[in-house]
PDB file of N, CA and C in Angstrom:
ATOM      1  N   MET A   1     136.491  96.670  57.726  1.00  0.00           N
ATOM      2  CA  MET A   1     135.745  97.628  57.478  1.00  0.00           C
ATOM      3  C   MET A   1     134.204  97.865  57.786  1.00  0.00           C
ATOM      4  N   ALA A   2     133.719  99.007  58.315  1.00  0.00           N
ATOM      5  CA  ALA A   2     132.148  98.791  58.704  1.00  0.00           C
ATOM      6  C   ALA A   2     131.572 100.411  58.331  1.00  0.00           C
ATOM      7  N   ILE A   3     130.195 100.661  58.613  1.00  0.00           N
ATOM      8  CA  ILE A   3     129.794 101.989  58.622  1.00  0.00           C
ATOM      9  C   ILE A   3     129.030 102.606  59.727  1.00  0.00           C
ATOM     10  N   GLN A   4     128.986 103.445  60.243  1.00  0.00           N
ATOM     11  CA  GLN A   4     128.150 103.916  61.563  1.00  0.00           C
ATOM     12  C   GLN A   4     127.039 104.755  60.833  1.00  0.00           C
ATOM     13  N   SER A   5     125.980 104.773  61.112  1.00  0.00           N
ATOM     14  CA  SER A   5     124.608 105.956  61.231  1.00  0.00           C
ATOM     15  C   SER A   5     123.427 105.473  62.139  1.00  0.00           C
ATOM     16  N   SER A   6     122.667 106.178  61.906  1.00  0.00           N
ATOM     17  CA  SER A   6     121.650 106.827  62.804  1.00  0.00           C
ATOM     18  C   SER A   6     120.005 105.000  61.940  1.00  0.00           C
ATOM     19  N   ILE A   7     119.737 104.641  62.716  1.00  0.00           N
ATOM     20  CA  ILE A   7     119.005 103.807  61.668  1.00  0.00           C
ATOM     21  C   ILE A   7     117.512 103.917  62.496  1.00  0.00           C
ATOM     22  N   LYS A   8     116.247 103.506  62.149  1.00  0.00           N
ATOM     23  CA  LYS A   8     115.063 102.705  62.830  1.00  0.00           C
ATOM     24  C   LYS A   8     115.513 101.275  62.096  1.00  0.00           C
ATOM     25  N   THR A   9     115.538 100.428  63.179  1.00  0.00           N
ATOM     26  CA  THR A   9     115.071  99.435  62.680  1.00  0.00           C
ATOM     27  C   THR A   9     113.654  98.950  62.457  1.00  0.00           C
ATOM     28  N   GLU A  10     113.495  97.784  61.667  1.00  0.00           N
ATOM     29  CA  GLU A  10     112.113  96.862  61.572  1.00  0.00           C
ATOM     30  C   GLU A  10     111.762  96.382  62.918  1.00  0.00           C
ATOM     31  N   PHE A  11     111.938  96.830  63.761  1.00  0.00           N
ATOM     32  CA  PHE A  11     110.938  96.766  65.340  1.00  0.00           C
ATOM     33  C   PHE A  11     110.871  97.253  66.099  1.00  0.00           C
ATOM     34  N   GLY A  12     110.971  99.049  65.135  1.00  0.00           N
ATOM     35  CA  GLY A  12     111.173 100.337  65.753  1.00  0.00           C
ATOM     36  C   GLY A  12     111.697 100.514  66.595  1.00  0.00           C
ATOM     37  N   LEU A  13     112.611 100.591  66.862  1.00  0.00           N
ATOM     38  CA  LEU A  13     114.311 101.116  67.476  1.00  0.00           C
ATOM     39  C   LEU A  13     114.851 102.028  67.310  1.00  0.00           C
ATOM     40  N   ASP A  14     115.030 102.868  67.593  1.00  0.00           N
ATOM     41  CA  ASP A  14     116.049 104.345  66.607  1.00  0.00           C
ATOM     42  C   ASP A  14     117.210 103.770  67.370  1.00  0.00           C
ATOM     43  N   LEU A  15     118.260 103.411  66.185  1.00  0.00           N
ATOM     44  CA  LEU A  15     119.848 103.396  67.106  1.00  0.00           C
ATOM     45  C   LEU A  15     120.290 104.456  66.597  1.00  0.00           C
ATOM     46  N   PRO A  16     120.800 105.819  66.881  1.00  0.00           N
ATOM     47  CA  PRO A  16     120.912 106.882  66.968  1.00  0.00           C
ATOM     48  C   PRO A  16     122.896 106.538  66.428  1.00  0.00           C
ATOM     49  N   ALA A  17     123.667 105.569  66.633  1.00  0.00           N
ATOM     50  CA  ALA A  17     124.797 105.096  66.161  1.00  0.00           C
ATOM     51  C   ALA A  17     125.014 103.940  66.128  1.00  0.00           C
ATOM     52  N   ALA A  18     124.228 103.242  64.889  1.00  0.00           N
ATOM     53  CA  ALA A  18     124.273 101.900  64.667  1.00  0.00           C
ATOM     54  C   ALA A  18     125.652 101.600  64.169  1.00  0.00           C
ATOM     55  N   TYR A  19     126.002 100.242  64.408  1.00  0.00           N
ATOM     56  CA  TYR A  19     127.288 100.232  63.512  1.00  0.00           C
ATOM     57  C   TYR A  19     126.873  98.743  62.491  1.00  0.00           C
ATOM     58  N   ILE A  20     126.883  98.702  60.752  1.00  0.00           N
ATOM     59  CA  ILE A  20     126.673  98.333  60.227  1.00  0.00           C
ATOM     60  C   ILE A  20     127.488  98.054  59.506  1.00  0.00           C
ATOM     61  N   ARG A  21     127.588  96.669  59.097  1.00  0.00           N
ATOM     62  CA  ARG A  21     129.029  95.845  58.572  1.00  0.00           C
ATOM     63  C   ARG A  21     128.351  94.877  57.124  1.00  0.00           C
ATOM     64  N   ILE A  22     128.950  94.421  56.378  1.00  0.00           N
ATOM     65  CA  ILE A  22     128.742  93.560  55.393  1.00  0.00           C
ATOM     66  C   ILE A  22     128.628  92.157  55.800  1.00  0.00           C
ATOM     67  N   GLY A  23     128.135  91.450  55.505  1.00  0.00           N
ATOM     68  CA  GLY A  23     127.688  90.161  56.080  1.00  0.00           C
ATOM     69  C   GLY A  23     128.433  89.416  55.323  1.00  0.00           C
ATOM     70  N   SER A  24     127.446  89.486  53.866  1.00  0.00           N
ATOM     71  CA  SER A  24     127.315  88.440  52.941  1.00  0.00           C
ATOM     72  C   SER A  24     127.726  89.076  51.430  1.00  0.00           C
ATOM     73  N   THR A  25     128.560  88.495  50.756  1.00  0.00           N
ATOM     74  CA  THR A  25     128.009  88.977  48.897  1.00  0.00           C
ATOM     75  C   THR A  25     127.878  87.854  48.197  1.00  0.00           C
ATOM     76  N   ALA A  26     127.112  88.021  47.180  1.00  0.00           N
ATOM     77  CA  ALA A  26     126.783  86.844  46.154  1.00  0.00           C
ATOM     78  C   ALA A  26     126.769  88.097  44.659  1.00  0.00           C
ATOM     79  N   THR A  27     127.107  87.074  43.639  1.00  0.00           N
ATOM     80  CA  THR A  27     126.732  88.058  42.767  1.00  0.00           C
ATOM     81  C   THR A  27     125.335  87.215  41.858  1.00  0.00           C
ATOM     82  N   SER A  28     124.645  87.896  40.532  1.00  0.00           N
ATOM     83  CA  SER A  28     123.687  87.098  39.654  1.00  0.00           C
ATOM     84  C   SER A  28     124.450  87.580  38.453  1.00  0.00           C
ATOM     85  N   GLY A  29     125.056  86.723  37.854  1.00  0.00           N
ATOM     86  CA  GLY A  29     126.028  87.060  37.190  1.00  0.00           C
ATOM     87  C   GLY A  29     127.036  88.010  36.932  1.00  0.00           C
ATOM     88  N   LYS A  30     127.560  88.266  35.810  1.00  0.00           N
ATOM     89  CA  LYS A  30     128.676  89.617  36.248  1.00  0.00           C
ATOM     90  C   LYS A  30     127.895  90.824  36.133  1.00  0.00           C
ATOM     91  N   GLU A  31     126.561  91.464  36.587  1.00  0.00           N
ATOM     92  CA  GLU A  31     126.392  92.633  36.528  1.00  0.00           C
ATOM     93  C   GLU A  31     125.359  92.986  38.061  1.00  0.00           C
ATOM     94  N   VAL A  32     125.100  92.012  38.430  1.00  0.00           N
ATOM     95  CA  VAL A  32     124.260  92.514  39.936  1.00  0.00           C
ATOM     96  C   VAL A  32     125.095  91.758  41.050  1.00  0.00           C
ATOM     97  N   LEU A  33     125.649  92.853  42.007  1.00  0.00           N
ATOM     98  CA  LEU A  33     125.903  92.175  43.484  1.00  0.00           C
ATOM     99  C   LEU A  33     124.813  92.058  43.682  1.00  0.00           C
ATOM    100  N   ILE A  34     124.719  91.085  44.990  1.00  0.00           N
ATOM    101  CA  ILE A  34     123.279  91.052  46.193  1.00  0.00           C
ATOM    102  C   ILE A  34     124.521  91.132  47.170  1.00  0.00           C
ATOM    103  N   PHE A  35     123.760  91.625  48.358  1.00  0.00           N
ATOM    104  CA  PHE A  35     124.802  91.346  49.948  1.00  0.00           C
ATOM    105  C   PHE A  35     124.035  91.840  51.029  1.00  0.00           C
ATOM    106  N   THR A  36     124.169  91.216  52.155  1.00  0.00           N
ATOM    107  CA  THR A  36     123.912  91.183  53.026  1.00  0.00           C
ATOM    108  C   THR A  36     124.245  92.945  53.836  1.00  0.00           C
ATOM    109  N   ALA A  37     123.562  93.630  54.679  1.00  0.00           N
ATOM    110  CA  ALA A  37     123.923  94.421  55.908  1.00  0.00           C
ATOM    111  C   ALA A  37     123.326  94.267  56.944  1.00  0.00           C
ATOM    112  N   CYS A  38     124.798  93.538  58.089  1.00  0.00           N
ATOM    113  CA  CYS A  38     124.327  93.685  59.270  1.00  0.00           C
ATOM    114  C   CYS A  38     124.494  94.787  59.921  1.00  0.00           C
ATOM    115  N   VAL A  39     123.167  95.049  60.826  1.00  0.00           N
ATOM    116  CA  VAL A  39     123.270  96.007  61.899  1.00  0.00           C
ATOM    117  C   VAL A  39     123.599  95.776  63.182  1.00  0.00           C
ATOM    118  N   PHE A  40     123.864  96.355  63.637  1.00  0.00           N
ATOM    119  CA  PHE A  40     124.799  96.291  65.146  1.00  0.00           C
ATOM    120  C   PHE A  40     124.320  97.252  66.057  1.00  0.00           C
ATOM    121  N   ALA A  41     123.735  97.921  67.150  1.00  0.00           N
ATOM    122  CA  ALA A  41     123.549  98.295  68.200  1.00  0.00           C
ATOM    123  C   ALA A  41     124.596  99.174  68.541  1.00  0.00           C
ATOM    124  N   ASP A  42     126.007  97.518  68.829  1.00  0.00           N
ATOM    125  CA  ASP A  42     127.463  97.887  69.203  1.00  0.00           C
ATOM    126  C   ASP A  42     127.979  97.206  68.215  1.00  0.00           C
ATOM    127  N   SER A  43     129.299  97.502  68.453  1.00  0.00           N
ATOM    128  CA  SER A  43     130.164  96.552  67.327  1.00  0.00           C
ATOM    129  C   SER A  43     130.802  95.746  68.509  1.00  0.00           C
ATOM    130  N   ASN A  44     130.152  95.358  69.625  1.00  0.00           N
ATOM    131  CA  ASN A  44     130.736  94.155  70.807  1.00  0.00           C
ATOM    132  C   ASN A  44     129.637  93.353  70.759  1.00  0.00           C
ATOM    133  N   TYR A  45     128.327  94.085  70.234  1.00  0.00           N
ATOM    134  CA  TYR A  45     127.593  92.740  70.592  1.00  0.00           C
ATOM    135  C   TYR A  45     126.962  92.052  69.210  1.00  0.00           C
ATOM    136  N   PRO A  46     126.322  90.972  69.332  1.00  0.00           N
ATOM    137  CA  PRO A  46     125.485  90.223  68.141  1.00  0.00           C
ATOM    138  C   PRO A  46     124.412  90.979  67.310  1.00  0.00           C
ATOM    139  N   ALA A  47     124.410  90.810  66.062  1.00  0.00           N
ATOM    140  CA  ALA A  47     123.444  91.543  65.095  1.00  0.00           C
ATOM    141  C   ALA A  47     121.910  91.875  65.422  1.00  0.00           C
ATOM    142  N   ILE A  48     121.763  92.470  65.217  1.00  0.00           N
ATOM    143  CA  ILE A  48     119.910  92.896  65.766  1.00  0.00           C
ATOM    144  C   ILE A  48     118.845  92.906  64.449  1.00  0.00           C
ATOM    145  N   SER A  49     119.813  93.055  63.308  1.00  0.00           N
ATOM    146  CA  SER A  49     118.925  92.794  62.143  1.00  0.00           C
ATOM    147  C   SER A  49     120.248  92.480  60.757  1.00  0.00           C
ATOM    148  N   GLN A  50     119.547  92.136  59.971  1.00  0.00           N
ATOM    149  CA  GLN A  50     119.955  91.945  58.440  1.00  0.00           C
ATOM    150  C   GLN A  50     118.878  92.248  57.455  1.00  0.00           C
ATOM    151  N   ARG A  51     119.895  93.327  56.367  1.00  0.00           N
ATOM    152  CA  ARG A  51     119.080  93.739  55.273  1.00  0.00           C
ATOM    153  C   ARG A  51     119.875  93.363  53.964  1.00  0.00           C
ATOM    154  N   GLN A  52     118.801  92.855  53.006  1.00  0.00           N
ATOM    155  CA  GLN A  52     119.701  92.630  51.818  1.00  0.00           C
ATOM    156  C   GLN A  52     119.258  93.627  50.651  1.00  0.00           C
ATOM    157  N   TYR A  53     120.434  93.689  50.081  1.00  0.00           N
ATOM    158  CA  TYR A  53     120.543  94.744  48.653  1.00  0.00           C
ATOM    159  C   TYR A  53     120.865  94.516  47.709  1.00  0.00           C
ATOM    160  N   THR A  54     120.528  95.181  46.978  1.00  0.00           N
ATOM    161  CA  THR A  54     121.111  94.452  45.319  1.00  0.00           C
ATOM    162  C   THR A  54     122.112  96.027  44.628  1.00  0.00           C
ATOM    163  N   CYS A  55     122.854  95.928  44.315  1.00  0.00           N
ATOM    164  CA  CYS A  55     122.908  97.329  43.186  1.00  0.00           C
ATOM    165  C   CYS A  55     124.044  96.202  42.272  1.00  0.00           C
ATOM    166  N   PRO A  56     124.372  97.370  40.887  1.00  0.00           N
ATOM    167  CA  PRO A  56     124.992  96.787  39.591  1.00  0.00           C
ATOM    168  C   PRO A  56     126.749  96.926  40.451  1.00  0.00           C
ATOM    169  N   LEU A  57     127.100  95.668  39.581  1.00  0.00           N
ATOM    170  CA  LEU A  57     128.552  94.754  39.750  1.00  0.00           C
ATOM    171  C   LEU A  57     129.186  95.766  38.961  1.00  0.00           C
ATOM    172  N   ASP A  58     130.887  96.655  39.237  1.00  0.00           N
ATOM    173  CA  ASP A  58     131.220  96.727  38.359  1.00  0.00           C
ATOM    174  C   ASP A  58     132.797  96.224  38.460  1.00  0.00           C
ATOM    175  N   LEU A  59     133.344  95.139  37.197  1.00  0.00           N
ATOM    176  CA  LEU A  59     133.886  94.048  37.583  1.00  0.00           C
ATOM    177  C   LEU A  59     135.376  95.235  37.358  1.00  0.00           C
ATOM    178  N   ASN A  60     135.686  96.397  36.882  1.00  0.00           N
ATOM    179  CA  ASN A  60     136.447  96.731  36.788  1.00  0.00           C
ATOM    180  C   ASN A  60     136.764  97.874  38.093  1.00  0.00           C
ATOM    181  N   GLY A  61     135.708  97.576  39.067  1.00  0.00           N
ATOM    182  CA  GLY A  61     135.571  98.623  39.933  1.00  0.00           C
ATOM    183  C   GLY A  61     136.593  98.314  41.191  1.00  0.00           C
ATOM    184  N   PRO A  62     136.115  98.506  42.436  1.00  0.00           N
ATOM    185  CA  PRO A  62     136.896  97.940  43.582  1.00  0.00           C
ATOM    186  C   PRO A  62     136.135  96.930  44.125  1.00  0.00           C
ATOM    187  N   ASN A  63     136.839  95.765  44.917  1.00  0.00           N
ATOM    188  CA  ASN A  63     136.301  94.686  45.504  1.00  0.00           C
ATOM    189  C   ASN A  63     134.538  94.798  45.956  1.00  0.00           C
ATOM    190  N   PRO A  64     134.229  93.628  45.665  1.00  0.00           N
ATOM    191  CA  PRO A  64     132.690  93.737  45.955  1.00  0.00           C
ATOM    192  C   PRO A  64     132.618  94.565  47.239  1.00  0.00           C
ATOM    193  N   ILE A  65     133.158  93.986  48.175  1.00  0.00           N
ATOM    194  CA  ILE A  65     132.770  94.569  49.345  1.00  0.00           C
ATOM    195  C   ILE A  65     132.331  95.865  49.666  1.00  0.00           C
ATOM    196  N   LYS A  66     133.787  96.536  48.758  1.00  0.00           N
ATOM    197  CA  LYS A  66     134.026  98.027  48.827  1.00  0.00           C
ATOM    198  C   LYS A  66     132.747  98.223  48.036  1.00  0.00           C
ATOM    199  N   GLN A  67     132.406  97.674  47.177  1.00  0.00           N
ATOM    200  CA  GLN A  67     131.432  98.565  46.223  1.00  0.00           C
ATOM    201  C   GLN A  67     129.973  98.440  46.625  1.00  0.00           C
ATOM    202  N   ALA A  68     130.148  97.431  47.916  1.00  0.00           N
ATOM    203  CA  ALA A  68     128.605  96.832  48.729  1.00  0.00           C
ATOM    204  C   ALA A  68     128.594  98.676  49.839  1.00  0.00           C
ATOM    205  N   TYR A  69     129.773  98.931  49.973  1.00  0.00           N
ATOM    206  CA  TYR A  69     129.590  99.862  51.136  1.00  0.00           C
ATOM    207  C   TYR A  69     129.342 101.145  50.648  1.00  0.00           C
ATOM    208  N   LEU A  70     130.054 101.674  49.491  1.00  0.00           N
ATOM    209  CA  LEU A  70     129.541 102.798  48.650  1.00  0.00           C
ATOM    210  C   LEU A  70     127.863 102.643  47.813  1.00  0.00           C
ATOM    211  N   HIS A  71     127.930 101.627  47.846  1.00  0.00           N
ATOM    212  CA  HIS A  71     125.909 101.632  47.545  1.00  0.00           C
ATOM    213  C   HIS A  71     125.605 101.869  48.875  1.00  0.00           C
ATOM    214  N   LEU A  72     125.453 101.198  49.564  1.00  0.00           N
ATOM    215  CA  LEU A  72     124.857 101.691  51.271  1.00  0.00           C
ATOM    216  C   LEU A  72     125.020 102.932  51.336  1.00  0.00           C
ATOM    217  N   LYS A  73     126.108 103.803  51.218  1.00  0.00           N
ATOM    218  CA  LYS A  73     126.222 105.502  51.495  1.00  0.00           C
ATOM    219  C   LYS A  73     125.614 105.883  50.723  1.00  0.00           C
ATOM    220  N   SER A  74     125.436 105.734  49.515  1.00  0.00           N
ATOM    221  CA  SER A  74     124.768 106.348  48.335  1.00  0.00           C
ATOM    222  C   SER A  74     122.812 106.257  48.158  1.00  0.00           C
ATOM    223  N   LEU A  75     122.512 105.735  49.478  1.00  0.00           N
ATOM    224  CA  LEU A  75     121.208 105.615  49.790  1.00  0.00           C
ATOM    225  C   LEU A  75     120.842 106.294  50.828  1.00  0.00           C
ATOM    226  N   SER A  76     119.423 106.812  50.627  1.00  0.00           N
ATOM    227  CA  SER A  76     119.045 108.051  51.616  1.00  0.00           C
ATOM    228  C   SER A  76     118.833 107.347  53.407  1.00  0.00           C
ATOM    229  N   GLU A  77     118.358 106.460  53.203  1.00  0.00           N
ATOM    230  CA  GLU A  77     118.504 105.721  54.442  1.00  0.00           C
ATOM    231  C   GLU A  77     119.768 105.520  55.347  1.00  0.00           C
ATOM    232  N   PHE A  78     121.168 105.927  54.522  1.00  0.00           N
ATOM    233  CA  PHE A  78     121.851 105.997  54.968  1.00  0.00           C
ATOM    234  C   PHE A  78     122.858 107.731  54.904  1.00  0.00           C
ATOM    235  N   SER A  79     122.169 108.346  54.623  1.00  0.00           N
ATOM    236  CA  SER A  79     122.799 109.804  53.888  1.00  0.00           C
ATOM    237  C   SER A  79     123.852 109.844  55.280  1.00  0.00           C
ATOM    238  N   ASP A  80     123.624 109.843  56.489  1.00  0.00           N
ATOM    239  CA  ASP A  80     124.842 110.240  57.576  1.00  0.00           C
ATOM    240  C   ASP A  80     125.803 109.752  57.964  1.00  0.00           C
ATOM    241  N   ALA A  81     125.714 108.570  56.940  1.00  0.00           N
ATOM    242  CA  ALA A  81     126.675 107.216  57.590  1.00  0.00           C
ATOM    243  C   ALA A  81     128.403 108.146  57.212  1.00  0.00           C
ATOM    244  N   THR A  82     129.546 107.168  58.089  1.00  0.00           N
ATOM    245  CA  THR A  82     130.465 107.197  58.385  1.00  0.00           C
ATOM    246  C   THR A  82     131.269 106.153  58.483  1.00  0.00           C
ATOM    247  N   ASP A  83     132.277 105.934  57.484  1.00  0.00           N
ATOM    248  CA  ASP A  83     133.179 105.287  57.936  1.00  0.00           C
ATOM    249  C   ASP A  83     133.768 104.527  59.108  1.00  0.00           C
ATOM    250  N   CYS A  84     134.104 103.452  59.616  1.00  0.00           N
ATOM    251  CA  CYS A  84     134.512 103.372  61.368  1.00  0.00           C
ATOM    252  C   CYS A  84     135.287 101.901  60.803  1.00  0.00           C
TER     253      CYS A  84
END
């Protein structure tokens, strides 16, 4: 599972079709999901950036990785994200 989106990295690189994959997840109690999104210029190359995010954790919802992807897609910086 991954998403594809146009983003600008912290290094100033414009990536019109970046590949974003959840790298790790953790929880803070039963209420907060903490996760890392790894950014790839292409799915065949190593990650060029990692970003950490938090979102509410829904214990009755989908698995935490799915929740992380859904949260990313709700953010304005990933408004054009598509599943891949």
